[in-house]
Amino acid sequence: MANLVVRNLEDDLVQALKQRAARHQRSAEAEHRDILRRALLRPKRKNFAETLSSIPNVGEDRDFERVGADGAPPVMV
């Protein structure tokens, strides 16, 4: 395993890391590793096109046409 040294961190950032580590009952070093792992190795999110293509086909276009209060299609102007 490699070592990573991070220099010149603001004091408030280091304090926030220590507080977060304490909430998770682990060392600041372990917390830092977890933050890096989650930020860099999380699963890739689907883009918009991939999300749309994963939606199942649930009907015909006419099933989703807008209708007026009387049940007739709205008038296009």
Protein backbone atom coordinates (compact mmCIF):
# COMPACT_ATOMS: atom_id res chain seq x y z
CA MET A 1 0.00 0.00 0.00
CA ALA A 2 1.13 3.52 -0.73
CA ASN A 3 1.28 6.48 1.61
CA LEU A 4 -0.26 9.86 0.87
CA VAL A 5 0.76 13.11 2.54
CA VAL A 6 -1.54 16.12 2.26
CA ARG A 7 0.10 19.42 3.16
CA ASN A 8 -1.13 22.94 3.78
CA LEU A 9 -4.65 22.08 4.95
CA GLU A 10 -6.64 24.81 6.63
CA ASP A 11 -7.10 24.33 10.36
CA ASP A 12 -10.89 24.35 10.08
CA LEU A 13 -10.74 21.55 7.50
CA VAL A 14 -8.56 19.41 9.76
CA GLN A 15 -10.90 20.10 12.69
CA ALA A 16 -13.93 19.11 10.58
CA LEU A 17 -12.16 15.86 9.59
CA LYS A 18 -11.41 15.05 13.23
CA GLN A 19 -15.01 15.76 14.26
CA ARG A 20 -16.38 13.60 11.47
CA ALA A 21 -13.97 10.80 12.41
CA ALA A 22 -15.10 11.02 16.04
CA ARG A 23 -18.75 10.72 14.97
CA HIS A 24 -17.85 7.56 13.06
CA GLN A 25 -15.70 6.28 15.95
CA ARG A 26 -12.49 6.01 13.96
CA SER A 27 -9.22 7.85 13.50
CA ALA A 28 -8.87 10.91 11.29
CA GLU A 29 -6.61 8.84 9.05
CA ALA A 30 -9.25 6.13 8.64
CA GLU A 31 -11.88 8.79 7.97
CA HIS A 32 -9.65 10.37 5.34
CA ARG A 33 -9.22 6.99 3.61
CA ASP A 34 -12.98 6.44 3.61
CA ILE A 35 -13.67 9.89 2.15
CA LEU A 36 -11.16 9.31 -0.64
CA ARG A 37 -12.50 5.81 -1.35
CA ARG A 38 -16.10 7.01 -1.56
CA ALA A 39 -15.25 10.02 -3.71
CA LEU A 40 -12.98 8.23 -6.16
CA LEU A 41 -14.24 4.65 -6.37
CA ARG A 42 -18.00 5.06 -6.25
CA PRO A 43 -19.97 3.49 -9.08
CA LYS A 44 -20.28 5.63 -12.19
CA ARG A 45 -23.62 7.39 -12.42
CA LYS A 46 -25.79 6.81 -15.48
CA ASN A 47 -26.07 9.74 -17.85
CA PHE A 48 -29.46 11.07 -18.91
CA ALA A 49 -29.63 9.00 -22.11
CA GLU A 50 -28.78 5.78 -20.22
CA THR A 51 -31.45 6.54 -17.64
CA LEU A 52 -34.09 7.17 -20.31
CA SER A 53 -33.19 4.02 -22.21
CA SER A 54 -33.58 1.95 -19.03
CA ILE A 55 -37.22 3.02 -18.57
CA PRO A 56 -39.50 0.21 -19.73
CA ASN A 57 -41.89 0.75 -22.64
CA VAL A 58 -45.27 1.03 -20.91
CA GLY A 59 -47.63 2.03 -23.70
CA GLU A 60 -48.27 3.77 -26.95
CA ASP A 61 -47.80 7.51 -27.46
CA ARG A 62 -51.59 7.95 -27.74
CA ASP A 63 -51.92 6.56 -24.19
CA PHE A 64 -50.16 9.68 -22.95
CA GLU A 65 -51.87 12.37 -25.04
CA ARG A 66 -53.24 15.31 -23.10
CA VAL A 67 -57.00 15.66 -23.03
CA GLY A 68 -59.20 18.57 -22.11
CA ALA A 69 -61.83 18.62 -19.38
CA ASP A 70 -64.41 17.27 -21.83
CA GLY A 71 -62.17 14.37 -22.84
CA ALA A 72 -61.28 15.91 -26.20
CA PRO A 73 -57.70 16.67 -27.24
CA PRO A 74 -56.68 20.25 -26.43
CA VAL A 75 -56.82 22.77 -29.27
CA MET A 76 -53.38 23.79 -30.56
CA VAL A 77 -53.06 27.46 -31.47
